N, C-alpha and C. Protein backbone atom coordinates (compact mmCIF):
# COMPACT_ATOMS: atom_id res chain seq x y z
N MET A 1 19.25 -21.07 -15.94
CA MET A 1 18.39 -20.29 -15.07
C MET A 1 19.12 -19.98 -13.77
N ASN A 2 19.03 -18.73 -13.34
CA ASN A 2 19.69 -18.33 -12.10
C ASN A 2 18.81 -18.64 -10.91
N ASP A 3 19.43 -19.06 -9.83
CA ASP A 3 18.69 -19.30 -8.59
C ASP A 3 18.46 -17.98 -7.88
N ILE A 4 17.33 -17.89 -7.21
CA ILE A 4 17.03 -16.71 -6.39
C ILE A 4 17.54 -17.01 -4.99
N VAL A 5 18.28 -16.08 -4.44
CA VAL A 5 18.79 -16.23 -3.09
C VAL A 5 18.27 -15.06 -2.26
N LEU A 6 17.56 -15.37 -1.20
CA LEU A 6 17.07 -14.34 -0.28
C LEU A 6 17.90 -14.37 0.98
N MET A 7 18.28 -13.20 1.45
CA MET A 7 19.04 -13.11 2.68
C MET A 7 18.17 -12.46 3.73
N GLU A 8 17.71 -13.25 4.66
CA GLU A 8 16.92 -12.79 5.79
C GLU A 8 17.86 -12.68 6.99
N PRO A 9 17.43 -12.03 8.06
CA PRO A 9 18.34 -11.87 9.20
C PRO A 9 18.98 -13.17 9.70
N ASN A 10 18.22 -14.24 9.75
CA ASN A 10 18.78 -15.51 10.25
C ASN A 10 18.74 -16.62 9.22
N LEU A 11 18.62 -16.26 7.95
CA LEU A 11 18.45 -17.28 6.93
C LEU A 11 18.95 -16.79 5.58
N ILE A 12 19.65 -17.65 4.89
CA ILE A 12 19.95 -17.42 3.49
C ILE A 12 19.22 -18.52 2.74
N GLY A 13 18.26 -18.12 1.91
CA GLY A 13 17.41 -19.14 1.29
C GLY A 13 17.50 -19.14 -0.21
N ASN A 14 17.63 -20.33 -0.78
CA ASN A 14 17.58 -20.46 -2.23
C ASN A 14 16.67 -21.62 -2.65
N ASP A 15 16.07 -22.31 -1.69
CA ASP A 15 15.11 -23.35 -2.00
C ASP A 15 13.83 -22.68 -2.51
N PRO A 16 13.34 -23.03 -3.70
CA PRO A 16 12.17 -22.35 -4.26
C PRO A 16 10.96 -22.31 -3.32
N GLY A 17 10.74 -23.38 -2.57
CA GLY A 17 9.63 -23.40 -1.62
C GLY A 17 9.81 -22.38 -0.52
N ASN A 18 11.02 -22.28 0.01
CA ASN A 18 11.29 -21.30 1.07
C ASN A 18 11.25 -19.88 0.53
N VAL A 19 11.77 -19.67 -0.67
CA VAL A 19 11.75 -18.34 -1.28
C VAL A 19 10.30 -17.90 -1.45
N ASN A 20 9.45 -18.80 -1.96
CA ASN A 20 8.03 -18.46 -2.13
C ASN A 20 7.38 -18.13 -0.79
N LYS A 21 7.68 -18.92 0.22
CA LYS A 21 7.09 -18.70 1.55
C LYS A 21 7.53 -17.35 2.12
N ILE A 22 8.81 -17.03 2.01
CA ILE A 22 9.34 -15.77 2.54
C ILE A 22 8.70 -14.59 1.81
N MET A 23 8.62 -14.68 0.48
CA MET A 23 8.04 -13.58 -0.28
C MET A 23 6.55 -13.43 0.03
N ASN A 24 5.83 -14.53 0.15
CA ASN A 24 4.42 -14.47 0.48
C ASN A 24 4.21 -13.81 1.85
N GLU A 25 4.97 -14.23 2.84
CA GLU A 25 4.85 -13.65 4.18
C GLU A 25 5.14 -12.15 4.15
N TYR A 26 6.14 -11.76 3.39
CA TYR A 26 6.48 -10.34 3.28
C TYR A 26 5.30 -9.54 2.73
N TYR A 27 4.73 -9.99 1.62
CA TYR A 27 3.66 -9.22 1.00
C TYR A 27 2.37 -9.27 1.80
N VAL A 28 2.11 -10.35 2.48
CA VAL A 28 0.93 -10.41 3.35
C VAL A 28 1.12 -9.44 4.51
N ASP A 29 2.28 -9.45 5.13
CA ASP A 29 2.53 -8.58 6.28
C ASP A 29 2.57 -7.10 5.90
N ILE A 30 3.15 -6.78 4.76
CA ILE A 30 3.29 -5.37 4.40
C ILE A 30 1.93 -4.73 4.08
N THR A 31 1.00 -5.53 3.57
CA THR A 31 -0.31 -4.98 3.22
C THR A 31 -1.27 -4.96 4.39
N ARG A 32 -0.93 -5.63 5.46
CA ARG A 32 -1.82 -5.71 6.62
C ARG A 32 -2.13 -4.33 7.21
N PHE A 33 -1.21 -3.40 7.11
CA PHE A 33 -1.38 -2.11 7.78
C PHE A 33 -1.64 -0.95 6.81
N ILE A 34 -1.76 -1.23 5.54
CA ILE A 34 -2.03 -0.17 4.57
C ILE A 34 -3.42 0.39 4.82
N GLY A 35 -3.48 1.69 5.01
CA GLY A 35 -4.76 2.36 5.15
C GLY A 35 -5.38 2.30 6.53
N ASN A 36 -4.76 1.65 7.49
CA ASN A 36 -5.36 1.56 8.82
C ASN A 36 -5.52 2.91 9.49
N ASP A 37 -4.65 3.85 9.18
CA ASP A 37 -4.75 5.17 9.80
C ASP A 37 -5.43 6.16 8.87
N ASP A 38 -5.97 5.69 7.77
CA ASP A 38 -6.57 6.57 6.78
C ASP A 38 -7.90 5.97 6.32
N PHE A 39 -8.91 6.14 7.15
CA PHE A 39 -10.20 5.59 6.79
C PHE A 39 -11.27 6.65 6.98
N ILE A 40 -12.40 6.42 6.38
CA ILE A 40 -13.52 7.36 6.47
C ILE A 40 -14.59 6.72 7.34
N SER A 41 -15.03 7.45 8.33
CA SER A 41 -16.07 6.98 9.23
C SER A 41 -17.42 7.49 8.75
N ILE A 42 -18.46 6.79 9.11
CA ILE A 42 -19.81 7.21 8.74
C ILE A 42 -20.16 8.56 9.38
N ASN A 43 -19.46 8.92 10.45
CA ASN A 43 -19.72 10.18 11.15
C ASN A 43 -18.93 11.36 10.60
N ASP A 44 -17.98 11.11 9.68
CA ASP A 44 -17.17 12.19 9.12
C ASP A 44 -18.02 13.09 8.23
N GLN A 45 -17.76 14.37 8.31
CA GLN A 45 -18.44 15.34 7.46
C GLN A 45 -17.78 15.37 6.08
N PHE A 46 -18.58 15.55 5.05
CA PHE A 46 -18.09 15.54 3.67
C PHE A 46 -16.97 16.55 3.47
N GLU A 47 -17.14 17.76 3.98
CA GLU A 47 -16.12 18.81 3.80
C GLU A 47 -14.80 18.42 4.47
N ASP A 48 -14.89 17.77 5.63
CA ASP A 48 -13.68 17.33 6.32
C ASP A 48 -12.95 16.25 5.53
N ILE A 49 -13.71 15.35 4.93
CA ILE A 49 -13.12 14.29 4.11
C ILE A 49 -12.39 14.89 2.92
N ILE A 50 -13.04 15.81 2.23
CA ILE A 50 -12.45 16.46 1.06
C ILE A 50 -11.18 17.21 1.45
N ASN A 51 -11.23 17.96 2.55
CA ASN A 51 -10.07 18.74 2.99
C ASN A 51 -8.91 17.83 3.42
N THR A 52 -9.23 16.73 4.07
CA THR A 52 -8.20 15.80 4.55
C THR A 52 -7.44 15.17 3.38
N HIS A 53 -8.14 14.88 2.29
CA HIS A 53 -7.54 14.14 1.19
C HIS A 53 -7.26 15.02 -0.04
N ALA A 54 -7.37 16.32 0.11
CA ALA A 54 -7.23 17.23 -1.03
C ALA A 54 -5.86 17.14 -1.71
N ARG A 55 -4.82 16.82 -0.96
CA ARG A 55 -3.47 16.79 -1.53
C ARG A 55 -3.01 15.38 -1.90
N HIS A 56 -3.91 14.41 -1.81
CA HIS A 56 -3.54 13.04 -2.19
C HIS A 56 -3.34 13.00 -3.71
N PRO A 57 -2.27 12.34 -4.17
CA PRO A 57 -1.97 12.32 -5.61
C PRO A 57 -3.14 11.88 -6.48
N SER A 58 -3.92 10.91 -6.03
CA SER A 58 -5.04 10.46 -6.85
C SER A 58 -6.13 11.51 -6.94
N VAL A 59 -6.37 12.24 -5.85
CA VAL A 59 -7.38 13.30 -5.87
C VAL A 59 -6.92 14.44 -6.78
N ILE A 60 -5.66 14.79 -6.69
CA ILE A 60 -5.11 15.85 -7.56
C ILE A 60 -5.24 15.43 -9.02
N HIS A 61 -4.92 14.19 -9.33
CA HIS A 61 -5.02 13.70 -10.70
C HIS A 61 -6.47 13.77 -11.21
N ILE A 62 -7.41 13.36 -10.38
CA ILE A 62 -8.82 13.41 -10.76
C ILE A 62 -9.24 14.85 -11.02
N LYS A 63 -8.87 15.75 -10.12
CA LYS A 63 -9.23 17.16 -10.29
C LYS A 63 -8.66 17.72 -11.59
N GLU A 64 -7.41 17.38 -11.88
CA GLU A 64 -6.79 17.87 -13.12
C GLU A 64 -7.44 17.25 -14.36
N SER A 65 -7.86 16.02 -14.25
CA SER A 65 -8.45 15.33 -15.40
C SER A 65 -9.84 15.85 -15.75
N ILE A 66 -10.59 16.29 -14.73
CA ILE A 66 -11.95 16.74 -15.01
C ILE A 66 -12.09 18.26 -14.92
N LYS A 67 -10.95 18.94 -14.81
CA LYS A 67 -10.97 20.40 -14.69
C LYS A 67 -11.85 20.86 -13.54
N TYR A 68 -11.65 20.24 -12.38
CA TYR A 68 -12.40 20.53 -11.17
C TYR A 68 -12.08 21.94 -10.67
N ASP A 69 -13.11 22.72 -10.32
CA ASP A 69 -12.90 24.10 -9.87
C ASP A 69 -13.06 24.23 -8.36
N GLY A 70 -13.09 23.15 -7.63
CA GLY A 70 -13.32 23.18 -6.18
C GLY A 70 -12.13 23.46 -5.45
């Protein structure tokens, strides 16, 4: 079995406990800010929401899947 070695700015880690800790911190930190600048407020108008997200890949996929004419 090969050891995993992580190279951080001030650390080279291959201890399984440290590798797990580093990876956990990375994924917790990276997800902390996902979507913070992209939220829907209760005061947003429906048309504005649709227009804002019209080019999002998931919206495009849904429109193509259901033959949306909007």
